[in-house]
């Protein structure tokens, strides 16, 4: 089933990007850290959307809204 990976790692490098790509079910990656240029290229080539430097507060606020 297609899904979005959320990572709280500081950086995503090509090796980790390839592991995510190899799952063949990931359609997007969101991280609170950064994604290296080579990892971004791999995601782009695999058709996987990505977002980096997303503040953790964005996740906490969304969680609070869902509960309330």
PDB file of N, CA and C in Angstrom:
ATOM      1  N   UNK A   1       0.846  -1.173   0.000  1.00  0.00           N
ATOM      2  CA  UNK A   1       0.000   0.000   0.000  1.00  0.00           C
ATOM      3  C   UNK A   1       0.899   1.246   0.000  1.00  0.00           C
ATOM      4  N   UNK A   2       0.635   2.207  -0.859  1.00  0.00           N
ATOM      5  CA  UNK A   2       1.443   3.436  -0.913  1.00  0.00           C
ATOM      6  C   UNK A   2       1.380   4.195   0.412  1.00  0.00           C
ATOM      7  N   UNK A   3       2.523   4.741   0.807  1.00  0.00           N
ATOM      8  CA  UNK A   3       2.549   5.511   2.046  1.00  0.00           C
ATOM      9  C   UNK A   3       3.644   6.567   2.009  1.00  0.00           C
ATOM     10  N   UNK A   4       3.609   7.447   3.007  1.00  0.00           N
ATOM     11  CA  UNK A   4       4.601   8.511   3.161  1.00  0.00           C
ATOM     12  C   UNK A   4       5.479   8.156   4.354  1.00  0.00           C
ATOM     13  N   UNK A   5       6.780   8.238   4.167  1.00  0.00           N
ATOM     14  CA  UNK A   5       7.731   7.995   5.254  1.00  0.00           C
ATOM     15  C   UNK A   5       8.006   9.322   5.959  1.00  0.00           C
ATOM     16  N   UNK A   6       7.958   9.311   7.272  1.00  0.00           N
ATOM     17  CA  UNK A   6       8.313  10.487   8.064  1.00  0.00           C
ATOM     18  C   UNK A   6       9.556  10.134   8.859  1.00  0.00           C
ATOM     19  N   UNK A   7      10.601  10.908   8.665  1.00  0.00           N
ATOM     20  CA  UNK A   7      11.880  10.649   9.324  1.00  0.00           C
ATOM     21  C   UNK A   7      12.242  11.814  10.227  1.00  0.00           C
ATOM     22  N   UNK A   8      12.761  11.488  11.399  1.00  0.00           N
ATOM     23  CA  UNK A   8      13.231  12.536  12.299  1.00  0.00           C
ATOM     24  C   UNK A   8      14.751  12.519  12.384  1.00  0.00           C
ATOM     25  N   UNK A   9      15.363  11.922  11.383  1.00  0.00           N
ATOM     26  CA  UNK A   9      16.823  11.902  11.334  1.00  0.00           C
ATOM     27  C   UNK A   9      17.342  13.257  10.903  1.00  0.00           C
ATOM     28  N   UNK A  10      18.563  13.538  11.269  1.00  0.00           N
ATOM     29  CA  UNK A  10      19.150  14.811  10.897  1.00  0.00           C
ATOM     30  C   UNK A  10      19.375  14.897   9.390  1.00  0.00           C
ATOM     31  N   UNK A  11      19.908  13.844   8.783  1.00  0.00           N
ATOM     32  CA  UNK A  11      20.191  13.855   7.349  1.00  0.00           C
ATOM     33  C   UNK A  11      19.816  12.525   6.709  1.00  0.00           C
ATOM     34  N   UNK A  12      19.360  12.590   5.465  1.00  0.00           N
ATOM     35  CA  UNK A  12      19.117  11.381   4.680  1.00  0.00           C
ATOM     36  C   UNK A  12      20.123  11.403   3.537  1.00  0.00           C
ATOM     37  N   UNK A  13      20.923  10.347   3.485  1.00  0.00           N
ATOM     38  CA  UNK A  13      21.952  10.208   2.459  1.00  0.00           C
ATOM     39  C   UNK A  13      21.520   9.159   1.441  1.00  0.00           C
ATOM     40  N   UNK A  14      22.261   9.007   0.336  1.00  0.00           N
ATOM     41  CA  UNK A  14      21.846   8.077  -0.725  1.00  0.00           C
ATOM     42  C   UNK A  14      21.564   6.649  -0.261  1.00  0.00           C
ATOM     43  N   UNK A  15      22.345   6.128   0.672  1.00  0.00           N
ATOM     44  CA  UNK A  15      22.108   4.757   1.138  1.00  0.00           C
ATOM     45  C   UNK A  15      20.737   4.588   1.756  1.00  0.00           C
ATOM     46  N   UNK A  16      20.368   5.511   2.619  1.00  0.00           N
ATOM     47  CA  UNK A  16      19.038   5.463   3.250  1.00  0.00           C
ATOM     48  C   UNK A  16      17.954   5.720   2.204  1.00  0.00           C
ATOM     49  N   UNK A  17      18.220   6.640   1.286  1.00  0.00           N
ATOM     50  CA  UNK A  17      17.251   6.920   0.220  1.00  0.00           C
ATOM     51  C   UNK A  17      16.983   5.662  -0.591  1.00  0.00           C
ATOM     52  N   UNK A  18      18.032   4.919  -0.900  1.00  0.00           N
ATOM     53  CA  UNK A  18      17.860   3.698  -1.699  1.00  0.00           C
ATOM     54  C   UNK A  18      17.040   2.659  -0.947  1.00  0.00           C
ATOM     55  N   UNK A  19      17.246   2.548   0.372  1.00  0.00           N
ATOM     56  CA  UNK A  19      16.441   1.615   1.167  1.00  0.00           C
ATOM     57  C   UNK A  19      14.964   1.977   1.108  1.00  0.00           C
ATOM     58  N   UNK A  20      14.682   3.276   1.147  1.00  0.00           N
ATOM     59  CA  UNK A  20      13.296   3.747   1.065  1.00  0.00           C
ATOM     60  C   UNK A  20      12.723   3.441  -0.317  1.00  0.00           C
ATOM     61  N   UNK A  21      13.511   3.716  -1.348  1.00  0.00           N
ATOM     62  CA  UNK A  21      13.079   3.447  -2.729  1.00  0.00           C
ATOM     63  C   UNK A  21      12.809   1.961  -2.927  1.00  0.00           C
ATOM     64  N   UNK A  22      13.690   1.122  -2.373  1.00  0.00           N
ATOM     65  CA  UNK A  22      13.564  -0.327  -2.539  1.00  0.00           C
ATOM     66  C   UNK A  22      12.290  -0.898  -1.941  1.00  0.00           C
ATOM     67  N   UNK A  23      11.668  -0.188  -1.023  1.00  0.00           N
ATOM     68  CA  UNK A  23      10.392  -0.658  -0.456  1.00  0.00           C
ATOM     69  C   UNK A  23       9.300  -0.695  -1.521  1.00  0.00           C
ATOM     70  N   UNK A  24       9.431   0.148  -2.533  1.00  0.00           N
ATOM     71  CA  UNK A  24       8.505   0.226  -3.674  1.00  0.00           C
ATOM     72  C   UNK A  24       7.074   0.581  -3.285  1.00  0.00           C
ATOM     73  N   UNK A  25       6.875   1.101  -2.087  1.00  0.00           N
ATOM     74  CA  UNK A  25       5.532   1.522  -1.681  1.00  0.00           C
ATOM     75  C   UNK A  25       5.510   2.966  -1.198  1.00  0.00           C
ATOM     76  N   UNK A  26       6.678   3.592  -1.149  1.00  0.00           N
ATOM     77  CA  UNK A  26       6.778   4.952  -0.622  1.00  0.00           C
ATOM     78  C   UNK A  26       6.513   5.955  -1.741  1.00  0.00           C
ATOM     79  N   UNK A  27       5.587   6.880  -1.491  1.00  0.00           N
ATOM     80  CA  UNK A  27       5.273   7.920  -2.481  1.00  0.00           C
ATOM     81  C   UNK A  27       5.803   9.286  -2.065  1.00  0.00           C
ATOM     82  N   UNK A  28       6.216   9.403  -0.785  1.00  0.00           N
ATOM     83  CA  UNK A  28       6.737  10.677  -0.307  1.00  0.00           C
ATOM     84  C   UNK A  28       7.577  10.485   0.941  1.00  0.00           C
ATOM     85  N   UNK A  29       8.534  11.382   1.134  1.00  0.00           N
ATOM     86  CA  UNK A  29       9.397  11.359   2.312  1.00  0.00           C
ATOM     87  C   UNK A  29       9.386  12.751   2.921  1.00  0.00           C
ATOM     88  N   UNK A  30       9.156  12.812   4.219  1.00  0.00           N
ATOM     89  CA  UNK A  30       9.204  14.073   4.963  1.00  0.00           C
ATOM     90  C   UNK A  30      10.223  13.893   6.073  1.00  0.00           C
ATOM     91  N   UNK A  31      11.114  14.858   6.235  1.00  0.00           N
ATOM     92  CA  UNK A  31      12.108  14.773   7.289  1.00  0.00           C
ATOM     93  C   UNK A  31      12.262  16.102   8.020  1.00  0.00           C
ATOM     94  N   UNK A  32      12.583  16.011   9.310  1.00  0.00           N
ATOM     95  CA  UNK A  32      12.864  17.211  10.082  1.00  0.00           C
ATOM     96  C   UNK A  32      14.283  17.686   9.811  1.00  0.00           C
ATOM     97  N   UNK A  33      15.097  16.822   9.231  1.00  0.00           N
ATOM     98  CA  UNK A  33      16.477  17.157   8.901  1.00  0.00           C
ATOM     99  C   UNK A  33      16.618  17.556   7.446  1.00  0.00           C
ATOM    100  N   UNK A  34      17.750  17.173   6.874  1.00  0.00           N
ATOM    101  CA  UNK A  34      18.027  17.517   5.484  1.00  0.00           C
ATOM    102  C   UNK A  34      18.138  16.249   4.637  1.00  0.00           C
ATOM    103  N   UNK A  35      18.082  16.457   3.341  1.00  0.00           N
ATOM    104  CA  UNK A  35      18.257  15.371   2.378  1.00  0.00           C
ATOM    105  C   UNK A  35      19.419  15.781   1.480  1.00  0.00           C
ATOM    106  N   UNK A  36      20.399  14.905   1.364  1.00  0.00           N
ATOM    107  CA  UNK A  36      21.574  15.241   0.555  1.00  0.00           C
ATOM    108  C   UNK A  36      21.175  15.400  -0.911  1.00  0.00           C
ATOM    109  N   UNK A  37      21.956  16.166  -1.672  1.00  0.00           N
ATOM    110  CA  UNK A  37      21.640  16.346  -3.097  1.00  0.00           C
ATOM    111  C   UNK A  37      21.535  15.023  -3.864  1.00  0.00           C
ATOM    112  N   UNK A  38      22.417  14.066  -3.575  1.00  0.00           N
ATOM    113  CA  UNK A  38      22.351  12.773  -4.267  1.00  0.00           C
ATOM    114  C   UNK A  38      21.099  11.994  -3.880  1.00  0.00           C
ATOM    115  N   UNK A  39      20.689  12.086  -2.622  1.00  0.00           N
ATOM    116  CA  UNK A  39      19.465  11.409  -2.181  1.00  0.00           C
ATOM    117  C   UNK A  39      18.246  12.047  -2.847  1.00  0.00           C
ATOM    118  N   UNK A  40      18.243  13.374  -2.944  1.00  0.00           N
ATOM    119  CA  UNK A  40      17.142  14.067  -3.633  1.00  0.00           C
ATOM    120  C   UNK A  40      17.031  13.597  -5.082  1.00  0.00           C
ATOM    121  N   UNK A  41      18.194  13.461  -5.720  1.00  0.00           N
ATOM    122  CA  UNK A  41      18.217  13.014  -7.119  1.00  0.00           C
ATOM    123  C   UNK A  41      17.618  11.612  -7.238  1.00  0.00           C
ATOM    124  N   UNK A  42      17.983  10.736  -6.314  1.00  0.00           N
ATOM    125  CA  UNK A  42      17.428   9.371  -6.333  1.00  0.00           C
ATOM    126  C   UNK A  42      15.921   9.393  -6.135  1.00  0.00           C
ATOM    127  N   UNK A  43      15.450  10.190  -5.174  1.00  0.00           N
ATOM    128  CA  UNK A  43      14.008  10.294  -4.963  1.00  0.00           C
ATOM    129  C   UNK A  43      13.316  10.831  -6.211  1.00  0.00           C
ATOM    130  N   UNK A  44      13.889  11.866  -6.813  1.00  0.00           N
ATOM    131  CA  UNK A  44      13.301  12.444  -8.023  1.00  0.00           C
ATOM    132  C   UNK A  44      13.216  11.402  -9.137  1.00  0.00           C
ATOM    133  N   UNK A  45      14.292  10.653  -9.331  1.00  0.00           N
ATOM    134  CA  UNK A  45      14.320   9.627 -10.385  1.00  0.00           C
ATOM    135  C   UNK A  45      13.315   8.513 -10.115  1.00  0.00           C
ATOM    136  N   UNK A  46      13.038   8.242  -8.839  1.00  0.00           N
ATOM    137  CA  UNK A  46      12.091   7.191  -8.467  1.00  0.00           C
ATOM    138  C   UNK A  46      10.652   7.701  -8.397  1.00  0.00           C
ATOM    139  N   UNK A  47      10.466   9.009  -8.624  1.00  0.00           N
ATOM    140  CA  UNK A  47       9.124   9.581  -8.573  1.00  0.00           C
ATOM    141  C   UNK A  47       8.591   9.737  -7.157  1.00  0.00           C
ATOM    142  N   UNK A  48       9.492   9.889  -6.197  1.00  0.00           N
ATOM    143  CA  UNK A  48       9.092  10.040  -4.796  1.00  0.00           C
ATOM    144  C   UNK A  48       9.208  11.511  -4.403  1.00  0.00           C
ATOM    145  N   UNK A  49       8.110  12.080  -3.935  1.00  0.00           N
ATOM    146  CA  UNK A  49       8.109  13.471  -3.474  1.00  0.00           C
ATOM    147  C   UNK A  49       8.874  13.542  -2.155  1.00  0.00           C
ATOM    148  N   UNK A  50       9.478  14.691  -1.868  1.00  0.00           N
ATOM    149  CA  UNK A  50      10.225  14.840  -0.619  1.00  0.00           C
ATOM    150  C   UNK A  50      10.116  16.254  -0.089  1.00  0.00           C
ATOM    151  N   UNK A  51      10.244  16.370   1.224  1.00  0.00           N
ATOM    152  CA  UNK A  51      10.275  17.671   1.890  1.00  0.00           C
ATOM    153  C   UNK A  51      11.272  17.550   3.038  1.00  0.00           C
ATOM    154  N   UNK A  52      12.104  18.561   3.197  1.00  0.00           N
ATOM    155  CA  UNK A  52      13.107  18.540   4.254  1.00  0.00           C
ATOM    156  C   UNK A  52      12.952  19.763   5.152  1.00  0.00           C
ATOM    157  N   UNK A  53      13.613  19.711   6.296  1.00  0.00           N
ATOM    158  CA  UNK A  53      13.619  20.799   7.270  1.00  0.00           C
ATOM    159  C   UNK A  53      12.211  21.175   7.745  1.00  0.00           C
ATOM    160  N   UNK A  54      11.342  20.185   7.858  1.00  0.00           N
ATOM    161  CA  UNK A  54       9.988  20.418   8.356  1.00  0.00           C
ATOM    162  C   UNK A  54      10.077  20.446   9.887  1.00  0.00           C
ATOM    163  N   UNK A  55       9.707  21.547  10.525  1.00  0.00           N
ATOM    164  CA  UNK A  55       9.815  21.641  11.985  1.00  0.00           C
ATOM    165  C   UNK A  55       8.935  20.598  12.684  1.00  0.00           C
ATOM    166  N   UNK A  56       9.464  20.038  13.760  1.00  0.00           N
ATOM    167  CA  UNK A  56       8.694  19.051  14.524  1.00  0.00           C
ATOM    168  C   UNK A  56       7.379  19.628  15.023  1.00  0.00           C
ATOM    169  N   UNK A  57       7.328  20.932  15.231  1.00  0.00           N
ATOM    170  CA  UNK A  57       6.090  21.555  15.708  1.00  0.00           C
ATOM    171  C   UNK A  57       4.954  21.366  14.706  1.00  0.00           C
ATOM    172  N   UNK A  58       5.284  21.234  13.436  1.00  0.00           N
ATOM    173  CA  UNK A  58       4.246  20.998  12.425  1.00  0.00           C
ATOM    174  C   UNK A  58       3.541  19.669  12.670  1.00  0.00           C
ATOM    175  N   UNK A  59       4.287  18.676  13.121  1.00  0.00           N
ATOM    176  CA  UNK A  59       3.689  17.373  13.410  1.00  0.00           C
ATOM    177  C   UNK A  59       2.894  17.424  14.707  1.00  0.00           C
ATOM    178  N   UNK A  60       3.425  18.086  15.692  1.00  0.00           N
ATOM    179  CA  UNK A  60       2.738  18.170  16.977  1.00  0.00           C
ATOM    180  C   UNK A  60       1.430  18.940  16.848  1.00  0.00           C
ATOM    181  N   UNK A  61       1.441  20.031  16.103  1.00  0.00           N
ATOM    182  CA  UNK A  61       0.217  20.807  15.924  1.00  0.00           C
ATOM    183  C   UNK A  61      -0.832  19.993  15.189  1.00  0.00           C
ATOM    184  N   UNK A  62      -0.421  19.261  14.163  1.00  0.00           N
ATOM    185  CA  UNK A  62      -1.368  18.444  13.413  1.00  0.00           C
ATOM    186  C   UNK A  62      -1.963  17.371  14.305  1.00  0.00           C
ATOM    187  N   UNK A  63      -1.124  16.762  15.136  1.00  0.00           N
ATOM    188  CA  UNK A  63      -1.596  15.729  16.031  1.00  0.00           C
ATOM    189  C   UNK A  63      -2.624  16.292  17.006  1.00  0.00           C
ATOM    190  N   UNK A  64      -2.351  17.462  17.548  1.00  0.00           N
ATOM    191  CA  UNK A  64      -3.269  18.088  18.496  1.00  0.00           C
ATOM    192  C   UNK A  64      -4.600  18.413  17.827  1.00  0.00           C
ATOM    193  N   UNK A  65      -4.568  18.870  16.593  1.00  0.00           N
ATOM    194  CA  UNK A  65      -5.792  19.193  15.875  1.00  0.00           C
ATOM    195  C   UNK A  65      -6.638  17.952  15.632  1.00  0.00           C
ATOM    196  N   UNK A  66      -5.964  16.842  15.332  1.00  0.00           N
ATOM    197  CA  UNK A  66      -6.702  15.598  15.071  1.00  0.00           C
ATOM    198  C   UNK A  66      -7.372  15.080  16.334  1.00  0.00           C
ATOM    199  N   UNK A  67      -6.699  15.242  17.466  1.00  0.00           N
ATOM    200  CA  UNK A  67      -7.272  14.750  18.718  1.00  0.00           C
ATOM    201  C   UNK A  67      -8.449  15.590  19.168  1.00  0.00           C
ATOM    202  N   UNK A  68      -8.367  16.895  18.928  1.00  0.00           N
ATOM    203  CA  UNK A  68      -9.392  17.815  19.415  1.00  0.00           C
ATOM    204  C   UNK A  68     -10.540  17.821  18.502  1.00  0.00           C
TER     205      UNK A  68
END
